[in-house]
Protein backbone atom coordinates (compact mmCIF):
# COMPACT_ATOMS: atom_id res chain seq x y z
CA MET A 1 -2.94 -120.98 -16.71
CA GLY A 2 -1.08 -121.61 -13.46
CA THR A 3 -1.80 -122.42 -9.84
CA HIS A 4 -1.27 -120.00 -6.95
CA VAL A 5 -1.09 -121.63 -3.52
CA ILE A 6 -1.97 -119.49 -0.51
CA LYS A 7 -0.56 -120.77 2.77
CA MET A 8 -1.73 -120.03 6.28
CA PRO A 9 0.09 -116.78 7.08
CA ASP A 10 2.18 -116.10 10.16
CA ILE A 11 -0.10 -113.88 12.25
CA GLY A 12 2.68 -113.06 14.70
CA GLU A 13 3.42 -113.31 18.43
CA GLY A 14 4.64 -116.88 18.18
CA ILE A 15 1.29 -118.33 17.03
CA ALA A 16 1.96 -121.78 15.54
CA GLU A 17 -1.58 -122.78 14.63
CA VAL A 18 -5.00 -121.25 14.13
CA GLU A 19 -8.54 -122.53 13.72
CA LEU A 20 -10.23 -122.22 10.35
CA SER A 21 -13.50 -120.55 11.29
CA VAL A 22 -15.44 -119.95 8.05
CA TRP A 23 -14.94 -119.96 4.29
CA HIS A 24 -16.24 -117.04 2.27
CA VAL A 25 -15.63 -118.83 -1.04
CA LYS A 26 -16.15 -122.31 -2.48
CA VAL A 27 -14.52 -124.36 -5.22
CA GLY A 28 -15.31 -122.82 -8.59
CA ASP A 29 -15.77 -119.24 -7.33
CA MET A 30 -13.99 -116.42 -9.10
CA VAL A 31 -12.09 -114.17 -6.67
CA VAL A 32 -10.34 -110.84 -6.98
CA GLU A 33 -7.35 -109.38 -5.23
CA ASP A 34 -7.99 -108.37 -1.59
CA GLN A 35 -11.26 -110.32 -1.45
CA VAL A 36 -11.63 -112.07 1.91
CA LEU A 37 -11.30 -115.82 1.42
CA ALA A 38 -11.66 -117.10 4.96
CA ASP A 39 -11.72 -116.14 8.63
CA VAL A 40 -9.35 -117.82 11.06
CA MET A 41 -9.42 -117.70 14.83
CA THR A 42 -6.38 -117.19 17.03
CA ASP A 43 -6.60 -117.56 20.81
CA LYS A 44 -7.91 -114.00 20.99
CA ALA A 45 -9.24 -112.62 17.74
CA MET A 46 -10.80 -113.37 14.36
CA VAL A 47 -8.48 -112.60 11.43
CA ASP A 48 -9.44 -112.14 7.76
CA ILE A 49 -7.35 -113.91 5.11
CA PRO A 50 -7.49 -111.94 1.83
CA SER A 51 -6.57 -113.11 -1.64
CA PRO A 52 -3.35 -111.69 -3.10
CA VAL A 53 -4.41 -112.62 -6.66
CA HIS A 54 -7.27 -112.75 -9.15
CA GLY A 55 -8.42 -116.21 -10.22
CA ARG A 56 -10.69 -119.21 -9.70
CA VAL A 57 -10.77 -121.35 -6.56
CA ILE A 58 -9.78 -124.94 -7.41
CA ALA A 59 -9.20 -126.48 -3.96
CA LEU A 60 -9.79 -125.69 -0.27
CA GLY A 61 -7.25 -126.83 2.29
CA GLY A 62 -9.49 -127.48 5.27
CA GLU A 63 -12.94 -127.52 6.83
CA PRO A 64 -14.41 -125.00 9.31
CA GLY A 65 -13.39 -126.01 12.81
CA GLU A 66 -10.12 -127.58 11.66
CA VAL A 67 -6.93 -126.45 13.43
CA MET A 68 -4.25 -125.64 10.84
CA ALA A 69 -0.55 -125.00 11.28
CA VAL A 70 0.98 -121.73 10.14
CA GLY A 71 2.52 -122.37 6.73
CA SER A 72 0.13 -125.17 5.77
CA GLU A 73 -1.76 -124.96 2.49
CA LEU A 74 -4.98 -122.97 2.84
CA ILE A 75 -6.32 -122.66 -0.70
CA ARG A 76 -5.39 -123.08 -4.36
CA ILE A 77 -6.38 -120.56 -6.99
CA GLU A 78 -6.08 -120.94 -10.75
CA VAL A 79 -4.55 -117.77 -12.19
CA GLU A 80 -3.45 -116.31 -15.48
CA GLY A 81 0.24 -116.92 -16.03
CA ALA A 82 2.60 -119.27 -14.24
CA GLY A 83 1.36 -118.94 -10.64
CA ASN A 84 3.66 -119.82 -7.76
CA LEU A 85 3.42 -123.63 -7.99
CA LYS A 86 5.49 -125.55 -10.52
CA GLU A 87 3.62 -128.11 -12.58
CA SER A 88 5.94 -130.90 -11.46
CA ALA A 89 5.21 -130.15 -7.83
CA GLN A 90 1.44 -130.30 -8.16
CA PRO A 91 -0.13 -133.38 -6.52
CA ALA A 92 -2.97 -135.28 -8.11
CA PRO A 93 -6.19 -133.28 -7.92
CA THR A 94 -8.53 -134.06 -5.03
CA PRO A 95 -12.08 -135.25 -5.78
CA ALA A 96 -13.33 -131.79 -4.84
CA ALA A 97 -11.00 -130.27 -7.38
CA VAL A 98 -11.97 -132.77 -10.09
CA GLN A 99 -15.64 -132.06 -9.61
CA ALA A 100 -15.15 -128.33 -9.55
CA PRO A 101 -17.19 -126.50 -12.16
CA LYS A 102 -15.34 -125.31 -15.20
CA PRO A 103 -14.75 -121.58 -15.49
CA ALA A 104 -17.60 -119.83 -17.18
CA PRO A 105 -16.79 -118.06 -20.45
CA VAL A 106 -16.02 -114.39 -20.06
CA ALA A 107 -19.09 -112.40 -20.99
CA THR A 108 -19.29 -108.84 -22.20
CA PRO A 109 -20.42 -106.65 -19.29
CA GLU A 110 -24.03 -105.55 -19.63
CA PRO A 111 -25.36 -102.16 -18.59
CA VAL A 112 -26.41 -102.04 -14.99
CA VAL A 113 -30.18 -101.82 -14.73
CA GLU A 114 -31.75 -100.84 -11.43
CA LYS A 115 -34.35 -103.40 -10.38
CA THR A 116 -37.20 -103.01 -7.94
CA ALA A 117 -36.79 -105.36 -5.01
CA ALA A 118 -39.54 -107.89 -4.43
CA PRO A 119 -41.77 -107.14 -1.43
CA ARG A 120 -40.14 -108.52 1.71
CA CYS A 121 -43.47 -109.75 3.08
CA ALA A 122 -43.98 -112.09 0.12
CA PRO A 123 -43.41 -115.72 1.20
CA GLN A 124 -40.18 -117.18 -0.11
CA ALA A 125 -39.88 -120.80 -1.12
CA PRO A 126 -36.88 -122.75 0.19
CA VAL A 127 -33.94 -122.45 -2.19
CA ALA A 128 -32.88 -125.65 -3.96
CA ARG A 129 -29.10 -125.62 -3.51
CA ASP A 130 -26.65 -128.46 -3.80
CA PRO A 131 -25.93 -129.91 -0.32
CA GLU A 132 -22.23 -129.08 -0.75
CA GLU A 133 -22.84 -125.48 -1.80
CA ARG A 134 -21.98 -122.80 0.77
CA PRO A 135 -24.27 -119.78 0.35
CA LEU A 136 -22.67 -116.37 0.75
CA ALA A 137 -23.17 -114.93 4.25
CA SER A 138 -21.18 -113.02 6.86
CA PRO A 139 -19.90 -114.78 10.02
CA ALA A 140 -22.55 -112.91 12.04
CA VAL A 141 -25.36 -114.17 9.79
CA ARG A 142 -24.00 -117.72 9.93
CA LYS A 143 -23.89 -117.55 13.74
CA HIS A 144 -27.45 -116.15 13.81
CA ALA A 145 -28.66 -118.95 11.55
CA LEU A 146 -27.01 -121.57 13.78
CA ASP A 147 -28.69 -120.08 16.84
CA LEU A 148 -32.07 -120.15 15.07
CA GLY A 149 -31.59 -123.67 13.73
CA ILE A 150 -31.88 -122.52 10.10
CA GLN A 151 -29.99 -124.23 7.26
CA LEU A 152 -28.53 -121.38 5.25
CA ARG A 153 -28.68 -123.38 2.02
CA LEU A 154 -32.50 -123.22 2.22
CA VAL A 155 -32.65 -119.42 2.55
CA GLN A 156 -33.04 -117.09 -0.43
CA GLY A 157 -30.40 -114.37 -0.21
CA SER A 158 -31.31 -110.81 -1.18
CA GLY A 159 -27.87 -109.26 -0.86
CA PRO A 160 -25.22 -108.73 -3.54
CA ALA A 161 -24.45 -111.96 -5.45
CA GLY A 162 -27.21 -113.70 -3.48
CA ARG A 163 -25.60 -113.07 -0.07
CA VAL A 164 -27.90 -114.06 2.81
CA LEU A 165 -28.68 -111.16 5.17
CA HIS A 166 -30.20 -110.99 8.65
CA GLU A 167 -33.46 -109.80 7.05
CA ASP A 168 -33.54 -112.97 4.92
CA LEU A 169 -33.40 -115.10 8.08
CA GLU A 170 -36.30 -113.12 9.55
CA ALA A 171 -38.31 -113.52 6.35
CA TYR A 172 -37.62 -117.28 6.34
CA LEU A 173 -38.78 -117.55 9.95
CA ALA A 174 -41.88 -115.47 9.23
CA GLN A 175 -42.74 -117.79 6.35
CA GLY A 176 -42.44 -120.80 8.66
CA SER A 177 -44.68 -119.15 11.29
CA SER A 178 -47.26 -118.33 8.63
CA THR A 179 -47.26 -121.92 7.38
CA GLN A 180 -47.74 -123.25 10.90
CA ALA A 181 -50.57 -120.80 11.60
CA LYS A 182 -52.40 -121.89 8.45
CA GLY A 183 -52.06 -125.66 8.66
CA GLY A 184 -50.27 -126.72 11.84
CA SER A 185 -50.74 -126.79 15.57
CA GLY A 186 -48.51 -125.07 18.08
CA TYR A 187 -48.87 -128.18 20.26
CA ALA A 188 -47.67 -130.67 17.64
CA GLU A 189 -44.92 -133.07 18.69
CA ARG A 190 -41.42 -132.31 17.49
CA HIS A 191 -38.70 -134.89 16.94
CA ASP A 192 -36.03 -132.75 15.28
CA GLU A 193 -32.54 -132.41 16.72
CA GLN A 194 -29.81 -129.94 15.92
CA GLN A 195 -26.10 -130.67 15.91
CA ILE A 196 -24.19 -127.42 16.32
CA PRO A 197 -20.41 -127.77 16.10
CA VAL A 198 -18.49 -125.87 18.78
CA ILE A 199 -15.94 -124.08 16.63
CA GLY A 200 -14.38 -120.66 16.23
CA MET A 201 -14.94 -118.11 18.97
CA ARG A 202 -17.40 -120.36 20.81
CA ARG A 203 -14.71 -123.05 21.12
CA LYS A 204 -12.18 -120.50 22.43
CA ILE A 205 -14.68 -119.17 24.96
CA ALA A 206 -15.47 -122.70 26.13
CA GLN A 207 -11.78 -123.54 26.51
CA ARG A 208 -10.97 -120.34 28.43
CA MET A 209 -13.98 -120.64 30.75
CA GLN A 210 -13.19 -124.27 31.51
CA GLU A 211 -9.54 -123.44 32.10
CA ALA A 212 -10.44 -120.56 34.41
CA THR A 213 -12.78 -122.65 36.58
CA GLN A 214 -10.32 -125.54 36.75
CA ARG A 215 -7.20 -123.54 37.57
CA ALA A 216 -8.42 -120.68 39.78
CA ALA A 217 -10.07 -120.97 43.20
CA HIS A 218 -13.06 -118.72 42.59
CA PHE A 219 -15.01 -116.97 45.28
CA SER A 220 -17.60 -114.23 44.84
CA TYR A 221 -18.63 -111.23 46.89
CA VAL A 222 -21.82 -109.20 46.38
CA GLU A 223 -22.61 -105.72 47.72
CA GLU A 224 -25.44 -103.29 46.99
CA ILE A 225 -24.63 -99.70 46.17
CA ASP A 226 -26.77 -96.57 46.23
CA VAL A 227 -26.02 -94.93 42.88
CA THR A 228 -28.64 -92.16 43.14
CA ALA A 229 -26.03 -89.39 43.42
CA LEU A 230 -23.87 -90.96 40.74
CA GLU A 231 -26.78 -91.09 38.31
CA GLU A 232 -27.67 -87.48 39.09
CA LEU A 233 -24.08 -86.47 38.32
CA ARG A 234 -24.05 -88.49 35.10
CA VAL A 235 -27.32 -86.91 33.89
CA HIS A 236 -26.05 -83.42 34.80
CA LEU A 237 -22.76 -83.90 32.92
CA ASN A 238 -24.59 -85.22 29.86
CA GLU A 239 -26.96 -82.26 29.85
CA LYS A 240 -24.08 -79.80 30.15
CA HIS A 241 -21.38 -81.43 28.02
CA GLY A 242 -23.07 -84.25 26.10
CA ALA A 243 -23.42 -82.31 22.86
CA SER A 244 -19.75 -81.29 22.77
CA ARG A 245 -17.98 -84.18 24.50
CA GLY A 246 -20.30 -87.12 24.00
CA LYS A 247 -22.74 -88.94 26.27
CA LEU A 248 -21.49 -90.73 29.38
CA THR A 249 -22.74 -94.16 30.38
CA LEU A 250 -22.13 -95.72 33.78
CA LEU A 251 -19.04 -97.60 32.60
CA PRO A 252 -16.56 -94.67 32.54
CA PHE A 253 -17.44 -93.91 36.18
CA LEU A 254 -16.85 -97.54 37.11
CA VAL A 255 -13.50 -97.50 35.33
CA ARG A 256 -12.57 -94.34 37.25
CA ALA A 257 -13.66 -95.94 40.52
CA LEU A 258 -11.45 -98.96 39.79
CA VAL A 259 -8.47 -96.72 39.10
CA VAL A 260 -8.87 -94.84 42.41
CA ALA A 261 -9.63 -97.93 44.53
CA LEU A 262 -6.68 -99.88 43.12
CA ARG A 263 -4.28 -97.31 44.56
CA ASP A 264 -5.04 -98.77 47.98
CA PHE A 265 -5.55 -102.36 46.78
CA PRO A 266 -2.77 -103.02 44.24
CA GLN A 267 -3.06 -106.79 44.86
CA MET A 268 -6.28 -106.73 42.81
CA ASN A 269 -4.57 -105.25 39.76
CA ALA A 270 -2.42 -108.30 39.17
CA ARG A 271 -1.78 -111.30 36.96
CA TYR A 272 -0.90 -114.66 38.49
CA ASP A 273 1.55 -116.94 36.69
CA ASP A 274 0.59 -120.16 38.46
CA GLU A 275 3.19 -122.22 36.60
CA ALA A 276 6.07 -120.01 37.75
CA GLN A 277 4.30 -119.24 41.06
CA VAL A 278 4.79 -115.51 40.57
CA ILE A 279 2.29 -112.68 41.08
CA HIS A 280 2.80 -109.72 38.76
CA ARG A 281 1.34 -106.57 40.32
CA CYS A 282 0.83 -103.96 37.64
CA GLY A 283 1.19 -100.21 38.00
CA ALA A 284 -0.75 -99.55 34.82
CA VAL A 285 -4.49 -100.19 34.97
CA HIS A 286 -5.54 -101.94 31.77
CA VAL A 287 -9.28 -102.56 32.19
CA GLY A 288 -10.86 -105.35 30.18
CA VAL A 289 -14.49 -104.55 29.32
CA ALA A 290 -16.45 -107.72 28.58
CA THR A 291 -18.41 -107.17 25.35
CA GLN A 292 -20.97 -109.42 23.67
CA SER A 293 -20.59 -109.83 19.92
CA ASP A 294 -22.30 -111.95 17.26
CA VAL A 295 -19.54 -114.55 17.57
CA GLY A 296 -19.48 -114.62 21.38
CA LEU A 297 -17.98 -112.87 24.38
CA MET A 298 -14.90 -110.73 23.78
CA VAL A 299 -12.87 -108.60 26.19
CA PRO A 300 -11.32 -105.51 24.56
CA VAL A 301 -8.91 -103.60 26.77
CA VAL A 302 -8.97 -99.93 27.80
CA ARG A 303 -5.25 -99.36 28.25
CA HIS A 304 -3.83 -96.99 30.85
CA ALA A 305 -7.18 -96.14 32.35
CA GLU A 306 -5.29 -94.36 35.12
CA ALA A 307 -4.37 -91.62 32.63
CA ARG A 308 -7.82 -91.13 31.09
CA SER A 309 -10.61 -88.66 31.82
CA LEU A 310 -14.25 -89.73 31.95
CA TRP A 311 -14.85 -88.74 28.34
CA ASP A 312 -11.59 -90.26 27.16
CA SER A 313 -12.56 -93.56 28.80
CA ALA A 314 -16.07 -93.32 27.34
CA ALA A 315 -14.77 -92.76 23.82
CA GLU A 316 -12.30 -95.64 24.10
CA ILE A 317 -14.92 -98.03 25.51
CA SER A 318 -17.26 -97.14 22.63
CA ARG A 319 -14.55 -97.54 20.01
CA LEU A 320 -13.39 -100.90 21.33
CA ALA A 321 -16.93 -102.24 21.73
CA THR A 322 -17.76 -101.32 18.14
CA ALA A 323 -14.57 -102.96 16.86
CA ALA A 324 -15.27 -106.12 18.88
CA ARG A 325 -18.89 -106.40 17.72
CA ASN A 326 -17.82 -105.93 14.09
CA GLY A 327 -15.04 -108.49 14.41
CA LYS A 328 -12.41 -105.82 13.72
CA ALA A 329 -10.67 -105.70 17.11
CA SER A 330 -6.97 -106.49 16.81
CA ARG A 331 -5.12 -109.05 18.90
CA ASP A 332 -3.42 -106.25 20.86
CA GLU A 333 -6.82 -104.69 21.63
CA LEU A 334 -8.04 -108.02 23.04
CA SER A 335 -5.13 -108.87 25.30
CA GLY A 336 -3.10 -107.53 28.21
CA SER A 337 -5.86 -106.59 30.67
CA THR A 338 -5.00 -106.46 34.39
CA ILE A 339 -8.56 -106.43 35.77
CA THR A 340 -11.92 -106.94 34.05
CA LEU A 341 -15.24 -105.15 34.26
CA THR A 342 -18.32 -107.07 33.11
CA SER A 343 -21.88 -105.84 32.77
CA LEU A 344 -25.09 -107.17 31.24
CA GLY A 345 -26.60 -103.69 31.19
CA ALA A 346 -30.37 -103.62 31.61
CA LEU A 347 -30.36 -107.45 31.72
CA GLY A 348 -27.90 -107.45 34.61
CA GLY A 349 -30.20 -109.20 37.06
CA ILE A 350 -29.79 -109.04 40.82
CA VAL A 351 -26.72 -111.22 41.36
CA SER A 352 -24.19 -112.92 39.09
CA THR A 353 -21.02 -114.96 39.61
CA PRO A 354 -18.59 -113.85 36.89
CA VAL A 355 -15.75 -116.15 35.86
CA LEU A 356 -12.22 -114.80 36.13
CA ASN A 357 -10.41 -113.72 32.99
CA LEU A 358 -7.17 -115.62 33.59
CA PRO A 359 -4.45 -114.81 34.48
CA GLU A 360 -6.16 -111.88 36.25
CA VAL A 361 -7.13 -112.30 39.90
CA ALA A 362 -10.24 -110.06 40.05
CA ILE A 363 -13.33 -109.33 37.97
CA VAL A 364 -16.01 -106.79 38.90
CA GLY A 365 -19.54 -107.55 37.72
CA VAL A 366 -22.21 -104.87 37.40
CA ASN A 367 -25.90 -105.67 37.88
CA LYS A 368 -28.84 -103.56 36.76
CA ILE A 369 -29.97 -100.37 38.48
CA VAL A 370 -33.41 -100.57 40.10
CA GLU A 371 -35.44 -98.15 42.21
CA ARG A 372 -36.13 -99.52 45.69
CA PRO A 373 -37.50 -98.14 48.95
CA MET A 374 -34.68 -97.61 51.45
CA VAL A 375 -34.66 -96.42 55.06
CA ILE A 376 -32.44 -93.36 55.52
CA LYS A 377 -32.39 -91.55 58.87
CA GLY A 378 -35.66 -93.21 59.81
CA GLN A 379 -37.42 -92.18 56.60
CA ILE A 380 -38.47 -94.43 53.72
CA VAL A 381 -37.18 -92.94 50.47
CA ILE A 382 -36.85 -94.19 46.91
CA ARG A 383 -33.24 -94.70 45.85
CA LYS A 384 -31.51 -96.08 42.79
CA MET A 385 -29.72 -99.25 43.86
CA MET A 386 -27.24 -101.48 42.05
CA ASN A 387 -25.36 -104.61 43.06
CA LEU A 388 -21.72 -105.33 42.36
CA SER A 389 -21.17 -109.09 41.94
CA SER A 390 -17.45 -109.70 41.82
CA SER A 391 -15.18 -112.75 41.77
CA PHE A 392 -11.61 -113.25 42.95
CA ASP A 393 -8.86 -115.86 42.82
CA HIS A 394 -8.62 -117.15 46.39
CA ARG A 395 -5.11 -118.44 45.70
CA VAL A 396 -3.96 -114.83 45.59
CA VAL A 397 -6.71 -112.67 47.14
CA ASP A 398 -7.92 -113.09 50.72
CA GLY A 399 -11.61 -112.70 51.50
CA MET A 400 -11.07 -109.71 53.78
CA ASP A 401 -9.08 -107.87 51.10
CA ALA A 402 -11.78 -108.54 48.51
CA ALA A 403 -14.52 -107.25 50.84
CA GLN A 404 -12.53 -104.11 51.68
CA PHE A 405 -11.84 -103.49 47.99
CA ILE A 406 -15.54 -103.68 47.07
CA GLN A 407 -16.42 -101.46 50.05
CA ALA A 408 -13.90 -98.92 48.74
CA LEU A 409 -15.62 -99.01 45.35
CA ARG A 410 -18.94 -98.58 47.10
CA GLY A 411 -17.75 -95.48 48.95
CA LEU A 412 -16.42 -93.91 45.75
CA LEU A 413 -19.59 -94.58 43.77
CA GLU A 414 -21.98 -93.43 46.52
CA GLN A 415 -19.99 -90.20 46.97
CA PRO A 416 -19.00 -89.55 43.34
CA ALA A 417 -17.15 -86.31 44.11
CA THR A 418 -14.45 -88.45 45.74
CA LEU A 419 -13.70 -89.98 42.32
CA PHE A 420 -11.99 -86.72 41.39
CA VAL A 421 -10.33 -85.72 44.68
CA GLU A 422 -6.55 -86.10 44.45
């Protein structure tokens, strides 16, 4: 038997260090080639680290939340044959490695027998796991458990190899609610306290938001827009072309409006290098679309929006959003935006104050559409209204320019035919 050492790989683009986000294995686990061992976080994206070999994990090189240099030792795996580590170069085993369970004897595979799953509504008792044992679960499930204040080691997993699923968390919560309803009071005092480490994507979001508010001179501008005609056009296009070209949401129209308005306001489509004191005005319109995922806010980029049709933009927004939510968006897909569009959809509220996505100088925030009575030519009519809540970097953008830019967007969206007039 030999030892194969896997080092933190060079992810590219000059990255010198990454944050270890989550382990998918523990000491003693058997792994196969291409199995994901860990997730690491760069400044933009989550990256899977697969195993290049078959073997047994004998040592882990770090803890979740730890920042590790590229080239540092990530994990050791015991393999058949010589491995890639000479015996003379191996240091003394760590306590974790000494206490690692011995490999189980190889058993003859048994026929696969289909089993009937236990009823999900049956109460599940907390699982008795060792405090050091890491139950199998995806990053999304781990994040969900943290948000709910659930210790994963107490949850019975129903997935393959005992993997904990979202449904298992719900069943665990339902069991707790049932127990409280039978023997407890909803008004009982609580003295528990959670300690949730700020690591991974949440740490990166915190750092970027803090940096943005410290470095840029934010100011916001809010304007209401009558989107009745725009919504009528959107519904008409979906009825006529939805089956063949796909359904249109509001976002592709907003992207188109940005493209047209930026022709007259190029200072908004810019990136400010405040260290070099240089403003880079961009010809290409690369629109960042803020997207919520299980691990936090991500901003995938619709590149060259100026060259895309409504349906092309819609398809790209959908593709990028899916990749971001599944943690599959690449670093290139999450960087290089020149202006950002952010929307909370139906939860958009009346007004928001979005934080700039540095080094950009403008971000356009979309609030929810509501029906309101409006006075038009002396008559009270019901119209569909929506606010744009946008923020700008006052070091680069003057207040008058920002107001005129948003008014240009308003004109385009209230008269949607002008979006397509060249």
